[in-house]
Amino acid sequence: MHELSIAQSLLDIVVEEANRHGVTKVRRVGVRVGAFTNVVPDSLSFCFDLIKEGTVAAEAELKLTPVPLAGLCQDCGAELDMSEAVFACPQCQSANVKVTQGQELLIDYIETDEAEA
């Protein structure tokens, strides 16, 4: 279960940013989770809830936003919905496809009680 190490990394970043800005309480953390990251959202939320106790994020809610897999055909320029994870262009059948979204796992926002944070 790699979600535990991911949750720990997310929490480390949240705590570091909170400390850097003098924040004492984090209310919500928004995270964009790409479909191609193999992260199980429920497991990530569960792990985050387990490890956040005793930190500025102890009462924080983890809000996960799924990001679908999409790509661009490098041969014909077609934009691809890759929800089926088929790496071939339906327009020209080329396998020369670049993934343009769905691989990201990033903190989108950190919501706090402090107005200046």
PDB file of N, CA and C in Angstrom:
ATOM      1  N   MET A   1       0.850  -1.175   0.000  1.00  0.00           N
ATOM      2  CA  MET A   1       0.000   0.000   0.000  1.00  0.00           C
ATOM      3  C   MET A   1       0.897   1.239   0.000  1.00  0.00           C
ATOM      4  N   HIS A   2       1.070   1.832  -1.170  1.00  0.00           N
ATOM      5  CA  HIS A   2       1.902   3.032  -1.258  1.00  0.00           C
ATOM      6  C   HIS A   2       1.154   4.288  -0.829  1.00  0.00           C
ATOM      7  N   GLU A   3      -0.137   4.177  -0.585  1.00  0.00           N
ATOM      8  CA  GLU A   3      -0.917   5.337  -0.148  1.00  0.00           C
ATOM      9  C   GLU A   3      -0.434   5.901   1.182  1.00  0.00           C
ATOM     10  N   LEU A   4       0.086   5.059   2.059  1.00  0.00           N
ATOM     11  CA  LEU A   4       0.578   5.545   3.348  1.00  0.00           C
ATOM     12  C   LEU A   4       1.775   6.480   3.155  1.00  0.00           C
ATOM     13  N   SER A   5       2.712   6.095   2.316  1.00  0.00           N
ATOM     14  CA  SER A   5       3.871   6.966   2.087  1.00  0.00           C
ATOM     15  C   SER A   5       3.464   8.238   1.347  1.00  0.00           C
ATOM     16  N   ILE A   6       2.489   8.143   0.471  1.00  0.00           N
ATOM     17  CA  ILE A   6       1.985   9.334  -0.221  1.00  0.00           C
ATOM     18  C   ILE A   6       1.289  10.256   0.770  1.00  0.00           C
ATOM     19  N   ALA A   7       0.455   9.687   1.635  1.00  0.00           N
ATOM     20  CA  ALA A   7      -0.229  10.490   2.659  1.00  0.00           C
ATOM     21  C   ALA A   7       0.790  11.179   3.558  1.00  0.00           C
ATOM     22  N   GLN A   8       1.858  10.475   3.919  1.00  0.00           N
ATOM     23  CA  GLN A   8       2.893  11.067   4.767  1.00  0.00           C
ATOM     24  C   GLN A   8       3.587  12.221   4.051  1.00  0.00           C
ATOM     25  N   SER A   9       3.875  12.044   2.778  1.00  0.00           N
ATOM     26  CA  SER A   9       4.501  13.121   2.004  1.00  0.00           C
ATOM     27  C   SER A   9       3.585  14.332   1.901  1.00  0.00           C
ATOM     28  N   LEU A  10       2.303  14.091   1.649  1.00  0.00           N
ATOM     29  CA  LEU A  10       1.335  15.192   1.589  1.00  0.00           C
ATOM     30  C   LEU A  10       1.275  15.923   2.922  1.00  0.00           C
ATOM     31  N   LEU A  11       1.194  15.165   4.005  1.00  0.00           N
ATOM     32  CA  LEU A  11       1.118  15.768   5.334  1.00  0.00           C
ATOM     33  C   LEU A  11       2.388  16.554   5.649  1.00  0.00           C
ATOM     34  N   ASP A  12       3.537  16.020   5.285  1.00  0.00           N
ATOM     35  CA  ASP A  12       4.799  16.735   5.510  1.00  0.00           C
ATOM     36  C   ASP A  12       4.788  18.092   4.809  1.00  0.00           C
ATOM     37  N   ILE A  13       4.306  18.125   3.577  1.00  0.00           N
ATOM     38  CA  ILE A  13       4.238  19.379   2.825  1.00  0.00           C
ATOM     39  C   ILE A  13       3.258  20.344   3.476  1.00  0.00           C
ATOM     40  N   VAL A  14       2.092  19.841   3.874  1.00  0.00           N
ATOM     41  CA  VAL A  14       1.076  20.687   4.511  1.00  0.00           C
ATOM     42  C   VAL A  14       1.620  21.296   5.799  1.00  0.00           C
ATOM     43  N   VAL A  15       2.249  20.480   6.633  1.00  0.00           N
ATOM     44  CA  VAL A  15       2.798  20.967   7.906  1.00  0.00           C
ATOM     45  C   VAL A  15       3.912  21.984   7.646  1.00  0.00           C
ATOM     46  N   GLU A  16       4.779  21.691   6.683  1.00  0.00           N
ATOM     47  CA  GLU A  16       5.868  22.614   6.348  1.00  0.00           C
ATOM     48  C   GLU A  16       5.318  23.967   5.879  1.00  0.00           C
ATOM     49  N   GLU A  17       4.325  23.937   5.008  1.00  0.00           N
ATOM     50  CA  GLU A  17       3.734  25.186   4.511  1.00  0.00           C
ATOM     51  C   GLU A  17       3.002  25.934   5.621  1.00  0.00           C
ATOM     52  N   ALA A  18       2.311  25.205   6.476  1.00  0.00           N
ATOM     53  CA  ALA A  18       1.612  25.837   7.601  1.00  0.00           C
ATOM     54  C   ALA A  18       2.615  26.531   8.516  1.00  0.00           C
ATOM     55  N   ASN A  19       3.699  25.864   8.827  1.00  0.00           N
ATOM     56  CA  ASN A  19       4.743  26.456   9.671  1.00  0.00           C
ATOM     57  C   ASN A  19       5.366  27.680   9.008  1.00  0.00           C
ATOM     58  N   ARG A  20       5.609  27.582   7.725  1.00  0.00           N
ATOM     59  CA  ARG A  20       6.228  28.680   6.983  1.00  0.00           C
ATOM     60  C   ARG A  20       5.361  29.938   6.995  1.00  0.00           C
ATOM     61  N   HIS A  21       4.042  29.738   7.031  1.00  0.00           N
ATOM     62  CA  HIS A  21       3.106  30.865   7.001  1.00  0.00           C
ATOM     63  C   HIS A  21       2.517  31.191   8.371  1.00  0.00           C
ATOM     64  N   GLY A  22       2.978  30.524   9.420  1.00  0.00           N
ATOM     65  CA  GLY A  22       2.472  30.790  10.762  1.00  0.00           C
ATOM     66  C   GLY A  22       1.048  30.327  10.988  1.00  0.00           C
ATOM     67  N   VAL A  23       0.631  29.315  10.264  1.00  0.00           N
ATOM     68  CA  VAL A  23      -0.729  28.777  10.371  1.00  0.00           C
ATOM     69  C   VAL A  23      -0.791  27.773  11.516  1.00  0.00           C
ATOM     70  N   THR A  24      -1.845  27.866  12.318  1.00  0.00           N
ATOM     71  CA  THR A  24      -1.995  26.951  13.450  1.00  0.00           C
ATOM     72  C   THR A  24      -3.062  25.886  13.229  1.00  0.00           C
ATOM     73  N   LYS A  25      -3.903  26.070  12.207  1.00  0.00           N
ATOM     74  CA  LYS A  25      -4.952  25.080  11.954  1.00  0.00           C
ATOM     75  C   LYS A  25      -5.275  25.022  10.461  1.00  0.00           C
ATOM     76  N   VAL A  26      -5.161  23.828   9.908  1.00  0.00           N
ATOM     77  CA  VAL A  26      -5.517  23.582   8.513  1.00  0.00           C
ATOM     78  C   VAL A  26      -6.903  22.954   8.498  1.00  0.00           C
ATOM     79  N   ARG A  27      -7.780  23.513   7.679  1.00  0.00           N
ATOM     80  CA  ARG A  27      -9.164  23.030   7.611  1.00  0.00           C
ATOM     81  C   ARG A  27      -9.373  22.012   6.490  1.00  0.00           C
ATOM     82  N   ARG A  28      -8.721  22.254   5.353  1.00  0.00           N
ATOM     83  CA  ARG A  28      -8.976  21.411   4.187  1.00  0.00           C
ATOM     84  C   ARG A  28      -7.725  21.388   3.314  1.00  0.00           C
ATOM     85  N   VAL A  29      -7.484  20.227   2.717  1.00  0.00           N
ATOM     86  CA  VAL A  29      -6.370  20.073   1.783  1.00  0.00           C
ATOM     87  C   VAL A  29      -6.943  19.487   0.496  1.00  0.00           C
ATOM     88  N   GLY A  30      -6.773  20.218  -0.593  1.00  0.00           N
ATOM     89  CA  GLY A  30      -7.246  19.748  -1.889  1.00  0.00           C
ATOM     90  C   GLY A  30      -6.115  19.112  -2.667  1.00  0.00           C
ATOM     91  N   VAL A  31      -6.364  17.914  -3.168  1.00  0.00           N
ATOM     92  CA  VAL A  31      -5.332  17.172  -3.897  1.00  0.00           C
ATOM     93  C   VAL A  31      -5.910  16.671  -5.217  1.00  0.00           C
ATOM     94  N   ARG A  32      -5.174  16.910  -6.296  1.00  0.00           N
ATOM     95  CA  ARG A  32      -5.548  16.395  -7.617  1.00  0.00           C
ATOM     96  C   ARG A  32      -4.866  15.037  -7.799  1.00  0.00           C
ATOM     97  N   VAL A  33      -5.674  14.017  -8.097  1.00  0.00           N
ATOM     98  CA  VAL A  33      -5.168  12.650  -8.217  1.00  0.00           C
ATOM     99  C   VAL A  33      -5.436  12.136  -9.626  1.00  0.00           C
ATOM    100  N   GLY A  34      -4.369  11.968 -10.396  1.00  0.00           N
ATOM    101  CA  GLY A  34      -4.496  11.470 -11.756  1.00  0.00           C
ATOM    102  C   GLY A  34      -4.874   9.999 -11.794  1.00  0.00           C
ATOM    103  N   ALA A  35      -5.649   9.644 -12.811  1.00  0.00           N
ATOM    104  CA  ALA A  35      -6.117   8.265 -12.971  1.00  0.00           C
ATOM    105  C   ALA A  35      -4.966   7.284 -13.176  1.00  0.00           C
ATOM    106  N   PHE A  36      -3.837   7.768 -13.675  1.00  0.00           N
ATOM    107  CA  PHE A  36      -2.704   6.900 -13.993  1.00  0.00           C
ATOM    108  C   PHE A  36      -1.705   6.791 -12.845  1.00  0.00           C
ATOM    109  N   THR A  37      -2.063   7.297 -11.659  1.00  0.00           N
ATOM    110  CA  THR A  37      -1.158   7.243 -10.508  1.00  0.00           C
ATOM    111  C   THR A  37      -1.291   5.945  -9.721  1.00  0.00           C
ATOM    112  N   ASN A  38      -2.324   5.190  -9.995  1.00  0.00           N
ATOM    113  CA  ASN A  38      -2.613   3.959  -9.253  1.00  0.00           C
ATOM    114  C   ASN A  38      -2.836   4.207  -7.769  1.00  0.00           C
ATOM    115  N   VAL A  39      -3.315   5.396  -7.429  1.00  0.00           N
ATOM    116  CA  VAL A  39      -3.654   5.718  -6.046  1.00  0.00           C
ATOM    117  C   VAL A  39      -5.123   5.374  -5.826  1.00  0.00           C
ATOM    118  N   VAL A  40      -5.397   4.654  -4.754  1.00  0.00           N
ATOM    119  CA  VAL A  40      -6.776   4.332  -4.381  1.00  0.00           C
ATOM    120  C   VAL A  40      -7.255   5.453  -3.461  1.00  0.00           C
ATOM    121  N   PRO A  41      -8.192   6.292  -3.942  1.00  0.00           N
ATOM    122  CA  PRO A  41      -8.613   7.461  -3.163  1.00  0.00           C
ATOM    123  C   PRO A  41      -9.051   7.148  -1.736  1.00  0.00           C
ATOM    124  N   ASP A  42      -9.858   6.122  -1.540  1.00  0.00           N
ATOM    125  CA  ASP A  42     -10.312   5.777  -0.186  1.00  0.00           C
ATOM    126  C   ASP A  42      -9.141   5.396   0.714  1.00  0.00           C
ATOM    127  N   SER A  43      -8.175   4.690   0.167  1.00  0.00           N
ATOM    128  CA  SER A  43      -6.999   4.302   0.956  1.00  0.00           C
ATOM    129  C   SER A  43      -6.158   5.518   1.319  1.00  0.00           C
ATOM    130  N   LEU A  44      -6.014   6.448   0.376  1.00  0.00           N
ATOM    131  CA  LEU A  44      -5.249   7.661   0.648  1.00  0.00           C
ATOM    132  C   LEU A  44      -5.926   8.478   1.745  1.00  0.00           C
ATOM    133  N   SER A  45      -7.233   8.632   1.657  1.00  0.00           N
ATOM    134  CA  SER A  45      -7.979   9.373   2.687  1.00  0.00           C
ATOM    135  C   SER A  45      -7.854   8.695   4.043  1.00  0.00           C
ATOM    136  N   PHE A  46      -7.969   7.384   4.060  1.00  0.00           N
ATOM    137  CA  PHE A  46      -7.857   6.621   5.301  1.00  0.00           C
ATOM    138  C   PHE A  46      -6.478   6.823   5.937  1.00  0.00           C
ATOM    139  N   CYS A  47      -5.443   6.705   5.131  1.00  0.00           N
ATOM    140  CA  CYS A  47      -4.074   6.866   5.638  1.00  0.00           C
ATOM    141  C   CYS A  47      -3.832   8.289   6.134  1.00  0.00           C
ATOM    142  N   PHE A  48      -4.322   9.278   5.398  1.00  0.00           N
ATOM    143  CA  PHE A  48      -4.160  10.669   5.814  1.00  0.00           C
ATOM    144  C   PHE A  48      -4.820  10.886   7.170  1.00  0.00           C
ATOM    145  N   ASP A  49      -6.028  10.343   7.333  1.00  0.00           N
ATOM    146  CA  ASP A  49      -6.738  10.481   8.611  1.00  0.00           C
ATOM    147  C   ASP A  49      -5.982   9.812   9.758  1.00  0.00           C
ATOM    148  N   LEU A  50      -5.305   8.708   9.478  1.00  0.00           N
ATOM    149  CA  LEU A  50      -4.540   7.995  10.509  1.00  0.00           C
ATOM    150  C   LEU A  50      -3.337   8.788  11.015  1.00  0.00           C
ATOM    151  N   ILE A  51      -2.665   9.479  10.119  1.00  0.00           N
ATOM    152  CA  ILE A  51      -1.390  10.101  10.487  1.00  0.00           C
ATOM    153  C   ILE A  51      -1.474  11.585  10.810  1.00  0.00           C
ATOM    154  N   LYS A  52      -2.607  12.208  10.585  1.00  0.00           N
ATOM    155  CA  LYS A  52      -2.707  13.661  10.785  1.00  0.00           C
ATOM    156  C   LYS A  52      -2.855  14.079  12.244  1.00  0.00           C
ATOM    157  N   GLU A  53      -3.212  13.142  13.115  1.00  0.00           N
ATOM    158  CA  GLU A  53      -3.418  13.466  14.532  1.00  0.00           C
ATOM    159  C   GLU A  53      -2.157  14.080  15.132  1.00  0.00           C
ATOM    160  N   GLY A  54      -2.360  15.108  15.943  1.00  0.00           N
ATOM    161  CA  GLY A  54      -1.240  15.764  16.611  1.00  0.00           C
ATOM    162  C   GLY A  54      -0.517  16.785  15.752  1.00  0.00           C
ATOM    163  N   THR A  55      -1.058  17.089  14.573  1.00  0.00           N
ATOM    164  CA  THR A  55      -0.450  18.088  13.688  1.00  0.00           C
ATOM    165  C   THR A  55      -1.421  19.245  13.482  1.00  0.00           C
ATOM    166  N   VAL A  56      -0.968  20.277  12.789  1.00  0.00           N
ATOM    167  CA  VAL A  56      -1.852  21.409  12.473  1.00  0.00           C
ATOM    168  C   VAL A  56      -2.991  20.981  11.553  1.00  0.00           C
ATOM    169  N   ALA A  57      -2.873  19.802  10.960  1.00  0.00           N
ATOM    170  CA  ALA A  57      -3.898  19.276  10.057  1.00  0.00           C
ATOM    171  C   ALA A  57      -4.782  18.231  10.733  1.00  0.00           C
ATOM    172  N   ALA A  58      -4.752  18.175  12.059  1.00  0.00           N
ATOM    173  CA  ALA A  58      -5.492  17.143  12.796  1.00  0.00           C
ATOM    174  C   ALA A  58      -6.981  17.122  12.468  1.00  0.00           C
ATOM    175  N   GLU A  59      -7.551  18.284  12.182  1.00  0.00           N
ATOM    176  CA  GLU A  59      -8.983  18.358  11.872  1.00  0.00           C
ATOM    177  C   GLU A  59      -9.240  18.595  10.387  1.00  0.00           C
ATOM    178  N   ALA A  60      -8.204  18.497   9.589  1.00  0.00           N
ATOM    179  CA  ALA A  60      -8.328  18.797   8.160  1.00  0.00           C
ATOM    180  C   ALA A  60      -9.066  17.700   7.405  1.00  0.00           C
ATOM    181  N   GLU A  61      -9.813  18.147   6.427  1.00  0.00           N
ATOM    182  CA  GLU A  61     -10.495  17.245   5.508  1.00  0.00           C
ATOM    183  C   GLU A  61      -9.652  17.151   4.241  1.00  0.00           C
ATOM    184  N   LEU A  62      -9.443  15.939   3.757  1.00  0.00           N
ATOM    185  CA  LEU A  62      -8.708  15.733   2.516  1.00  0.00           C
ATOM    186  C   LEU A  62      -9.728  15.657   1.380  1.00  0.00           C
ATOM    187  N   LYS A  63      -9.670  16.615   0.464  1.00  0.00           N
ATOM    188  CA  LYS A  63     -10.589  16.662  -0.681  1.00  0.00           C
ATOM    189  C   LYS A  63      -9.825  16.221  -1.923  1.00  0.00           C
ATOM    190  N   LEU A  64     -10.200  15.075  -2.456  1.00  0.00           N
ATOM    191  CA  LEU A  64      -9.510  14.527  -3.618  1.00  0.00           C
ATOM    192  C   LEU A  64     -10.304  14.816  -4.890  1.00  0.00           C
ATOM    193  N   THR A  65      -9.621  15.341  -5.889  1.00  0.00           N
ATOM    194  CA  THR A  65     -10.241  15.622  -7.181  1.00  0.00           C
ATOM    195  C   THR A  65      -9.619  14.692  -8.213  1.00  0.00           C
ATOM    196  N   PRO A  66     -10.432  13.790  -8.782  1.00  0.00           N
ATOM    197  CA  PRO A  66      -9.882  12.884  -9.784  1.00  0.00           C
ATOM    198  C   PRO A  66      -9.570  13.619 -11.090  1.00  0.00           C
ATOM    199  N   VAL A  67      -8.464  13.236 -11.714  1.00  0.00           N
ATOM    200  CA  VAL A  67      -8.066  13.805 -13.000  1.00  0.00           C
ATOM    201  C   VAL A  67      -8.026  12.654 -14.003  1.00  0.00           C
ATOM    202  N   PRO A  68      -8.898  12.697 -15.017  1.00  0.00           N
ATOM    203  CA  PRO A  68      -8.937  11.597 -15.982  1.00  0.00           C
ATOM    204  C   PRO A  68      -7.685  11.560 -16.853  1.00  0.00           C
ATOM    205  N   LEU A  69      -7.429  10.406 -17.417  1.00  0.00           N
ATOM    206  CA  LEU A  69      -6.286  10.220 -18.304  1.00  0.00           C
ATOM    207  C   LEU A  69      -6.637  10.766 -19.689  1.00  0.00           C
ATOM    208  N   ALA A  70      -5.782  11.624 -20.217  1.00  0.00           N
ATOM    209  CA  ALA A  70      -5.985  12.201 -21.550  1.00  0.00           C
ATOM    210  C   ALA A  70      -4.640  12.272 -22.251  1.00  0.00           C
ATOM    211  N   GLY A  71      -4.704  12.348 -23.571  1.00  0.00           N
ATOM    212  CA  GLY A  71      -3.467  12.390 -24.332  1.00  0.00           C
ATOM    213  C   GLY A  71      -3.595  13.174 -25.619  1.00  0.00           C
ATOM    214  N   LEU A  72      -2.484  13.251 -26.320  1.00  0.00           N
ATOM    215  CA  LEU A  72      -2.405  13.972 -27.585  1.00  0.00           C
ATOM    216  C   LEU A  72      -1.630  13.111 -28.574  1.00  0.00           C
ATOM    217  N   CYS A  73      -2.228  12.878 -29.736  1.00  0.00           N
ATOM    218  CA  CYS A  73      -1.538  12.130 -30.786  1.00  0.00           C
ATOM    219  C   CYS A  73      -0.448  13.018 -31.363  1.00  0.00           C
ATOM    220  N   GLN A  74       0.780  12.537 -31.341  1.00  0.00           N
ATOM    221  CA  GLN A  74       1.916  13.305 -31.838  1.00  0.00           C
ATOM    222  C   GLN A  74       1.981  13.310 -33.367  1.00  0.00           C
ATOM    223  N   ASP A  75       1.193  12.436 -34.009  1.00  0.00           N
ATOM    224  CA  ASP A  75       1.214  12.366 -35.472  1.00  0.00           C
ATOM    225  C   ASP A  75       0.131  13.225 -36.123  1.00  0.00           C
ATOM    226  N   CYS A  76      -1.111  13.150 -35.605  1.00  0.00           N
ATOM    227  CA  CYS A  76      -2.196  13.907 -36.251  1.00  0.00           C
ATOM    228  C   CYS A  76      -2.733  15.042 -35.388  1.00  0.00           C
ATOM    229  N   GLY A  77      -2.305  15.121 -34.118  1.00  0.00           N
ATOM    230  CA  GLY A  77      -2.729  16.213 -33.246  1.00  0.00           C
ATOM    231  C   GLY A  77      -4.066  16.014 -32.564  1.00  0.00           C
ATOM    232  N   ALA A  78      -4.662  14.854 -32.707  1.00  0.00           N
ATOM    233  CA  ALA A  78      -5.960  14.600 -32.075  1.00  0.00           C
ATOM    234  C   ALA A  78      -5.812  14.541 -30.558  1.00  0.00           C
ATOM    235  N   GLU A  79      -6.762  15.165 -29.856  1.00  0.00           N
ATOM    236  CA  GLU A  79      -6.815  15.068 -28.396  1.00  0.00           C
ATOM    237  C   GLU A  79      -7.584  13.805 -28.042  1.00  0.00           C
ATOM    238  N   LEU A  80      -7.041  13.038 -27.102  1.00  0.00           N
ATOM    239  CA  LEU A  80      -7.595  11.723 -26.813  1.00  0.00           C
ATOM    240  C   LEU A  80      -8.143  11.617 -25.404  1.00  0.00           C
ATOM    241  N   ASP A  81      -9.333  11.029 -25.298  1.00  0.00           N
ATOM    242  CA  ASP A  81      -9.876  10.609 -24.011  1.00  0.00           C
ATOM    243  C   ASP A  81      -9.345   9.197 -23.812  1.00  0.00           C
ATOM    244  N   MET A  82      -8.499   9.045 -22.811  1.00  0.00           N
ATOM    245  CA  MET A  82      -7.848   7.754 -22.624  1.00  0.00           C
ATOM    246  C   MET A  82      -8.424   7.005 -21.433  1.00  0.00           C
ATOM    247  N   SER A  83      -9.726   7.168 -21.206  1.00  0.00           N
ATOM    248  CA  SER A  83     -10.358   6.523 -20.059  1.00  0.00           C
ATOM    249  C   SER A  83     -10.263   5.000 -20.130  1.00  0.00           C
ATOM    250  N   GLU A  84     -10.101   4.472 -21.309  1.00  0.00           N
ATOM    251  CA  GLU A  84      -9.935   3.026 -21.470  1.00  0.00           C
ATOM    252  C   GLU A  84      -8.465   2.623 -21.430  1.00  0.00           C
ATOM    253  N   ALA A  85      -7.574   3.607 -21.250  1.00  0.00           N
ATOM    254  CA  ALA A  85      -6.124   3.386 -21.208  1.00  0.00           C
ATOM    255  C   ALA A  85      -5.619   2.675 -22.462  1.00  0.00           C
ATOM    256  N   VAL A  86      -6.195   3.051 -23.607  1.00  0.00           N
ATOM    257  CA  VAL A  86      -5.730   2.556 -24.894  1.00  0.00           C
ATOM    258  C   VAL A  86      -4.794   3.612 -25.459  1.00  0.00           C
ATOM    259  N   PHE A  87      -3.545   3.238 -25.673  1.00  0.00           N
ATOM    260  CA  PHE A  87      -2.539   4.192 -26.111  1.00  0.00           C
ATOM    261  C   PHE A  87      -2.361   4.164 -27.626  1.00  0.00           C
ATOM    262  N   ALA A  88      -3.484   4.277 -28.339  1.00  0.00           N
ATOM    263  CA  ALA A  88      -3.465   4.370 -29.793  1.00  0.00           C
ATOM    264  C   ALA A  88      -4.500   5.404 -30.206  1.00  0.00           C
ATOM    265  N   CYS A  89      -4.154   6.207 -31.184  1.00  0.00           N
ATOM    266  CA  CYS A  89      -5.044   7.266 -31.653  1.00  0.00           C
ATOM    267  C   CYS A  89      -6.214   6.666 -32.428  1.00  0.00           C
ATOM    268  N   PRO A  90      -7.446   7.009 -32.057  1.00  0.00           N
ATOM    269  CA  PRO A  90      -8.599   6.489 -32.795  1.00  0.00           C
ATOM    270  C   PRO A  90      -8.744   7.139 -34.178  1.00  0.00           C
ATOM    271  N   GLN A  91      -8.082   8.272 -34.393  1.00  0.00           N
ATOM    272  CA  GLN A  91      -8.163   8.972 -35.684  1.00  0.00           C
ATOM    273  C   GLN A  91      -7.236   8.341 -36.727  1.00  0.00           C
ATOM    274  N   CYS A  92      -5.966   8.153 -36.333  1.00  0.00           N
ATOM    275  CA  CYS A  92      -4.976   7.677 -37.314  1.00  0.00           C
ATOM    276  C   CYS A  92      -4.327   6.343 -36.919  1.00  0.00           C
ATOM    277  N   GLN A  93      -4.727   5.780 -35.780  1.00  0.00           N
ATOM    278  CA  GLN A  93      -4.219   4.505 -35.262  1.00  0.00           C
ATOM    279  C   GLN A  93      -2.742   4.547 -34.868  1.00  0.00           C
ATOM    280  N   SER A  94      -2.174   5.706 -34.767  1.00  0.00           N
ATOM    281  CA  SER A  94      -0.778   5.832 -34.348  1.00  0.00           C
ATOM    282  C   SER A  94      -0.638   5.510 -32.861  1.00  0.00           C
ATOM    283  N   ALA A  95       0.476   4.903 -32.510  1.00  0.00           N
ATOM    284  CA  ALA A  95       0.783   4.651 -31.098  1.00  0.00           C
ATOM    285  C   ALA A  95       1.672   5.757 -30.536  1.00  0.00           C
ATOM    286  N   ASN A  96       1.927   6.781 -31.328  1.00  0.00           N
ATOM    287  CA  ASN A  96       2.767   7.905 -30.921  1.00  0.00           C
ATOM    288  C   ASN A  96       1.906   8.907 -30.143  1.00  0.00           C
ATOM    289  N   VAL A  97       1.548   8.513 -28.934  1.00  0.00           N
ATOM    290  CA  VAL A  97       0.618   9.281 -28.098  1.00  0.00           C
ATOM    291  C   VAL A  97       1.344   9.783 -26.858  1.00  0.00           C
ATOM    292  N   LYS A  98       1.155  11.048 -26.566  1.00  0.00           N
ATOM    293  CA  LYS A  98       1.739  11.657 -25.364  1.00  0.00           C
ATOM    294  C   LYS A  98       0.631  11.861 -24.334  1.00  0.00           C
ATOM    295  N   VAL A  99       0.857  11.383 -23.122  1.00  0.00           N
ATOM    296  CA  VAL A  99      -0.100  11.595 -22.037  1.00  0.00           C
ATOM    297  C   VAL A  99      -0.008  13.061 -21.616  1.00  0.00           C
ATOM    298  N   THR A 100      -1.156  13.759 -21.605  1.00  0.00           N
ATOM    299  CA  THR A 100      -1.176  15.181 -21.252  1.00  0.00           C
ATOM    300  C   THR A 100      -1.766  15.447 -19.875  1.00  0.00           C
ATOM    301  N   GLN A 101      -2.511  14.514 -19.347  1.00  0.00           N
ATOM    302  CA  GLN A 101      -3.023  14.646 -17.982  1.00  0.00           C
ATOM    303  C   GLN A 101      -3.391  13.271 -17.457  1.00  0.00           C
ATOM    304  N   GLY A 102      -3.439  13.187 -16.127  1.00  0.00           N
ATOM    305  CA  GLY A 102      -3.806  11.933 -15.491  1.00  0.00           C
ATOM    306  C   GLY A 102      -2.658  11.264 -14.761  1.00  0.00           C
ATOM    307  N   GLN A 103      -1.457  11.856 -14.853  1.00  0.00           N
ATOM    308  CA  GLN A 103      -0.304  11.312 -14.144  1.00  0.00           C
ATOM    309  C   GLN A 103       0.016  12.115 -12.892  1.00  0.00           C
ATOM    310  N   GLU A 104      -0.690  13.221 -12.696  1.00  0.00           N
ATOM    311  CA  GLU A 104      -0.349  14.117 -11.596  1.00  0.00           C
ATOM    312  C   GLU A 104      -0.913  13.650 -10.256  1.00  0.00           C
ATOM    313  N   LEU A 105      -0.190  14.014  -9.227  1.00  0.00           N
ATOM    314  CA  LEU A 105      -0.618  13.845  -7.839  1.00  0.00           C
ATOM    315  C   LEU A 105      -0.055  15.063  -7.123  1.00  0.00           C
ATOM    316  N   LEU A 106      -0.897  16.074  -6.940  1.00  0.00           N
ATOM    317  CA  LEU A 106      -0.379  17.325  -6.401  1.00  0.00           C
ATOM    318  C   LEU A 106      -1.382  18.023  -5.500  1.00  0.00           C
ATOM    319  N   ILE A 107      -0.825  18.794  -4.589  1.00  0.00           N
ATOM    320  CA  ILE A 107      -1.662  19.592  -3.698  1.00  0.00           C
ATOM    321  C   ILE A 107      -2.146  20.797  -4.488  1.00  0.00           C
ATOM    322  N   ASP A 108      -3.448  20.932  -4.560  1.00  0.00           N
ATOM    323  CA  ASP A 108      -4.084  22.022  -5.290  1.00  0.00           C
ATOM    324  C   ASP A 108      -4.255  23.248  -4.399  1.00  0.00           C
ATOM    325  N   TYR A 109      -4.620  23.005  -3.140  1.00  0.00           N
ATOM    326  CA  TYR A 109      -4.796  24.110  -2.193  1.00  0.00           C
ATOM    327  C   TYR A 109      -4.722  23.604  -0.761  1.00  0.00           C
ATOM    328  N   ILE A 110      -4.422  24.528   0.138  1.00  0.00           N
ATOM    329  CA  ILE A 110      -4.446  24.277   1.580  1.00  0.00           C
ATOM    330  C   ILE A 110      -5.298  25.385   2.180  1.00  0.00           C
ATOM    331  N   GLU A 111      -6.430  25.010   2.742  1.00  0.00           N
ATOM    332  CA  GLU A 111      -7.353  25.985   3.334  1.00  0.00           C
ATOM    333  C   GLU A 111      -7.134  26.031   4.844  1.00  0.00           C
ATOM    334  N   THR A 112      -7.021  27.248   5.370  1.00  0.00           N
ATOM    335  CA  THR A 112      -6.728  27.424   6.794  1.00  0.00           C
ATOM    336  C   THR A 112      -7.743  28.348   7.443  1.00  0.00           C
ATOM    337  N   ASP A 113      -7.612  28.516   8.755  1.00  0.00           N
ATOM    338  CA  ASP A 113      -8.437  29.474   9.484  1.00  0.00           C
ATOM    339  C   ASP A 113      -7.876  30.881   9.384  1.00  0.00           C
ATOM    340  N   GLU A 114      -6.586  30.997   9.111  1.00  0.00           N
ATOM    341  CA  GLU A 114      -5.926  32.289   9.078  1.00  0.00           C
ATOM    342  C   GLU A 114      -6.194  33.003   7.761  1.00  0.00           C
ATOM    343  N   ALA A 115      -6.539  34.283   7.829  1.00  0.00           N
ATOM    344  CA  ALA A 115      -6.859  35.066   6.639  1.00  0.00           C
ATOM    345  C   ALA A 115      -5.639  35.301   5.755  1.00  0.00           C
ATOM    346  N   GLU A 116      -4.466  35.404   6.340  1.00  0.00           N
ATOM    347  CA  GLU A 116      -3.254  35.729   5.590  1.00  0.00           C
ATOM    348  C   GLU A 116      -2.599  34.513   4.951  1.00  0.00           C
ATOM    349  N   ALA A 117      -2.982  33.312   5.339  1.00  0.00           N
ATOM    350  CA  ALA A 117      -2.316  32.108   4.857  1.00  0.00           C
ATOM    351  C   ALA A 117      -2.741  31.773   3.493  1.00  0.00           C
TER     352      ALA A 117
END
